[in-house]
């Protein structure tokens, strides 16, 4: 493995860890809030007014951070029925094309969601008193991280195809 490949791998691992740690924190917030809600409602007879809003906001963050983390570990769902029929070079080119599509999607989505964030209509969460801007921030951050993964690994894949290091794209599942 070359030094640039190691550097790309390290950057990807750091960003993946950041997304995972933040996602786990969101999951803990959801868990603690829902346990508190159940306790408050059924034991104390006084439901918490804010627990559902906190849980939903944390869930939105969890979804986008989880998507970003799975992008950095290349664990998104794929259906390889077409690429399994290609040569390793063809699979490499298909991977590069796929990463370019993710980059384009991420760029457009980040641009649109940033516009919503900056210029959009925001309300105050009635039970919490803070702006919905904070939950909307999850979209450009999560999608931006997905795009960053596609850029990092796209560079690696383009280099591998260009220099003929196609072992990365071999199909290990075929006998």
Protein backbone atom coordinates (compact mmCIF):
# COMPACT_ATOMS: atom_id res chain seq x y z
CA UNK A 1 0.00 0.00 0.00
CA UNK A 2 1.41 3.38 -0.99
CA UNK A 3 1.73 6.38 1.33
CA UNK A 4 -1.18 8.26 -0.33
CA UNK A 5 -3.40 5.19 0.07
CA UNK A 6 -2.47 4.97 3.75
CA UNK A 7 -3.19 8.69 4.19
CA UNK A 8 -6.58 8.33 2.50
CA UNK A 9 -7.32 5.34 4.70
CA UNK A 10 -6.35 7.25 7.85
CA UNK A 11 -8.47 10.28 6.94
CA UNK A 12 -11.39 7.98 6.18
CA UNK A 13 -11.01 6.14 9.49
CA UNK A 14 -10.89 9.41 11.47
CA UNK A 15 -14.03 10.76 9.76
CA UNK A 16 -15.77 7.39 10.14
CA UNK A 17 -14.91 7.31 13.86
CA UNK A 18 -16.21 10.86 14.33
CA UNK A 19 -19.50 9.95 12.62
CA UNK A 20 -19.81 6.72 14.62
CA UNK A 21 -19.05 8.35 17.97
CA UNK A 22 -21.54 11.14 17.33
CA UNK A 23 -24.10 8.60 16.09
CA UNK A 24 -23.64 6.50 19.24
CA UNK A 25 -24.14 9.65 21.32
CA UNK A 26 -27.41 10.28 19.43
CA UNK A 27 -28.48 6.69 20.07
CA UNK A 28 -27.72 7.08 23.77
CA UNK A 29 -29.77 10.28 23.86
CA UNK A 30 -32.70 8.45 22.28
CA UNK A 31 -32.40 5.52 24.69
CA UNK A 32 -32.07 7.62 27.84
CA UNK A 33 -34.86 9.97 26.76
CA UNK A 34 -37.28 7.13 25.99
CA UNK A 35 -36.47 5.32 29.24
CA UNK A 36 -37.04 8.61 31.06
CA UNK A 37 -40.33 9.08 29.22
CA UNK A 38 -41.57 5.60 30.14
CA UNK A 39 -40.55 6.08 33.78
CA UNK A 40 -42.07 9.52 33.97
CA UNK A 41 -45.34 8.53 32.29
CA UNK A 42 -46.01 5.17 33.97
CA UNK A 43 -44.31 5.53 37.33
CA UNK A 44 -44.68 9.22 38.10
CA UNK A 45 -47.87 9.72 36.11
CA UNK A 46 -46.43 12.88 34.50
CA UNK A 47 -45.24 12.44 30.88
CA UNK A 48 -42.26 14.50 29.76
CA UNK A 49 -43.34 17.12 27.25
CA UNK A 50 -40.00 17.32 25.47
CA UNK A 51 -38.86 13.68 25.17
CA UNK A 52 -40.43 12.91 21.80
CA UNK A 53 -38.93 16.00 20.16
CA UNK A 54 -35.46 15.22 21.51
CA UNK A 55 -35.74 11.60 20.35
CA UNK A 56 -36.89 12.55 16.85
CA UNK A 57 -34.13 15.14 16.47
CA UNK A 58 -31.53 12.64 17.69
CA UNK A 59 -32.93 10.02 15.30
CA UNK A 60 -32.50 12.36 12.33
CA UNK A 61 -28.86 12.91 13.34
CA UNK A 62 -28.38 9.17 13.85
CA UNK A 63 -29.67 8.36 10.37
CA UNK A 64 -27.42 10.82 8.55
CA UNK A 65 -24.35 10.09 10.65
CA UNK A 66 -24.92 6.35 10.25
CA UNK A 67 -25.16 6.78 6.48
CA UNK A 68 -21.90 8.72 6.53
CA UNK A 69 -20.15 6.09 8.67
CA UNK A 70 -21.27 3.30 6.36
CA UNK A 71 -19.95 5.30 3.40
CA UNK A 72 -16.51 5.43 4.97
CA UNK A 73 -16.53 1.67 5.54
CA UNK A 74 -18.04 0.90 2.10
CA UNK A 75 -20.96 -0.89 3.74
CA UNK A 76 -23.90 0.66 1.90
CA UNK A 77 -26.27 -1.76 0.27
CA UNK A 78 -25.27 -2.78 -3.23
CA UNK A 79 -26.66 -5.15 -5.79
CA UNK A 80 -23.65 -6.53 -7.67
CA UNK A 81 -25.53 -8.59 -10.27
CA UNK A 82 -24.18 -6.41 -13.09
CA UNK A 83 -20.70 -5.74 -11.75
CA UNK A 84 -20.14 -9.43 -10.93
CA UNK A 85 -20.19 -10.08 -14.69
CA UNK A 86 -17.50 -7.49 -15.39
CA UNK A 87 -13.74 -7.91 -15.42
CA UNK A 88 -11.78 -6.43 -12.50
CA UNK A 89 -11.06 -3.36 -14.66
CA UNK A 90 -14.75 -3.04 -15.53
CA UNK A 91 -15.65 -3.32 -11.83
CA UNK A 92 -13.06 -0.64 -11.07
CA UNK A 93 -14.53 1.70 -13.66
CA UNK A 94 -18.05 0.97 -12.37
CA UNK A 95 -16.86 1.81 -8.84
CA UNK A 96 -15.35 5.10 -10.04
CA UNK A 97 -18.61 5.93 -11.85
CA UNK A 98 -20.59 5.08 -8.72
CA UNK A 99 -18.39 7.34 -6.60
CA UNK A 100 -18.79 10.18 -9.13
CA UNK A 101 -22.59 9.77 -8.88
CA UNK A 102 -22.38 9.95 -5.07
CA UNK A 103 -20.20 13.07 -5.30
CA UNK A 104 -22.71 14.74 -7.64
CA UNK A 105 -25.68 13.75 -5.46
CA UNK A 106 -23.89 14.91 -2.32
CA UNK A 107 -22.91 18.24 -3.84
CA UNK A 108 -26.45 19.00 -5.02
CA UNK A 109 -28.04 17.84 -1.78
CA UNK A 110 -25.59 19.80 0.37
CA UNK A 111 -26.14 22.93 -1.71
CA UNK A 112 -29.93 22.67 -1.47
CA UNK A 113 -29.96 21.73 2.22
CA UNK A 114 -27.51 24.51 3.08
CA UNK A 115 -29.90 26.94 1.39
CA UNK A 116 -32.73 25.61 3.53
CA UNK A 117 -30.55 25.95 6.59
CA UNK A 118 -29.44 29.52 5.91
CA UNK A 119 -32.53 30.97 4.22
CA UNK A 120 -35.26 28.58 5.21
CA UNK A 121 -38.11 28.86 7.60
CA UNK A 122 -37.21 27.76 11.12
CA UNK A 123 -39.54 27.42 14.04
CA UNK A 124 -38.87 27.11 17.71
CA UNK A 125 -39.57 23.66 19.12
CA UNK A 126 -42.40 24.49 21.51
CA UNK A 127 -41.37 22.07 24.24
CA UNK A 128 -37.65 22.86 24.03
CA UNK A 129 -37.40 26.45 22.92
CA UNK A 130 -34.66 26.01 20.36
CA UNK A 131 -34.68 26.36 16.61
CA UNK A 132 -35.35 23.51 14.20
CA UNK A 133 -32.21 24.73 12.43
CA UNK A 134 -30.22 22.32 14.64
CA UNK A 135 -31.99 19.25 13.33
CA UNK A 136 -31.80 20.52 9.74
CA UNK A 137 -28.02 20.81 10.13
CA UNK A 138 -27.84 17.00 10.14
CA UNK A 139 -28.56 16.85 6.40
CA UNK A 140 -25.64 18.88 5.01
CA UNK A 141 -23.25 17.40 7.58
CA UNK A 142 -24.26 13.78 6.98
CA UNK A 143 -24.51 14.09 3.21
CA UNK A 144 -21.31 16.15 3.15
CA UNK A 145 -19.48 13.36 4.96
CA UNK A 146 -20.88 10.84 2.46
CA UNK A 147 -19.52 13.03 -0.34
CA UNK A 148 -16.16 13.29 1.42
CA UNK A 149 -15.98 9.49 1.58
CA UNK A 150 -16.76 9.27 -2.14
CA UNK A 151 -14.05 11.85 -2.94
CA UNK A 152 -11.42 10.13 -0.78
CA UNK A 153 -12.11 6.64 -2.01
CA UNK A 154 -12.76 7.84 -5.55
CA UNK A 155 -9.22 9.23 -5.68
CA UNK A 156 -7.92 5.90 -4.43
CA UNK A 157 -10.01 3.95 -6.98
CA UNK A 158 -9.08 6.19 -9.92
CA UNK A 159 -5.40 5.74 -9.06
CA UNK A 160 -5.83 1.96 -8.76
CA UNK A 161 -7.53 1.72 -12.16
CA UNK A 162 -5.00 4.07 -13.77
CA UNK A 163 -1.94 2.09 -12.61
CA UNK A 164 -3.56 -1.31 -13.09
CA UNK A 165 -3.83 -2.33 -9.42
CA UNK A 166 -7.09 -4.14 -10.01
CA UNK A 167 -6.89 -6.64 -7.14
CA UNK A 168 -9.03 -4.21 -5.13
CA UNK A 169 -11.85 -4.85 -7.61
CA UNK A 170 -11.56 -8.63 -7.95
CA UNK A 171 -14.69 -10.57 -7.19
CA UNK A 172 -13.84 -12.77 -4.20
CA UNK A 173 -17.32 -14.29 -4.09
CA UNK A 174 -17.11 -16.02 -7.45
CA UNK A 175 -15.75 -19.57 -7.53
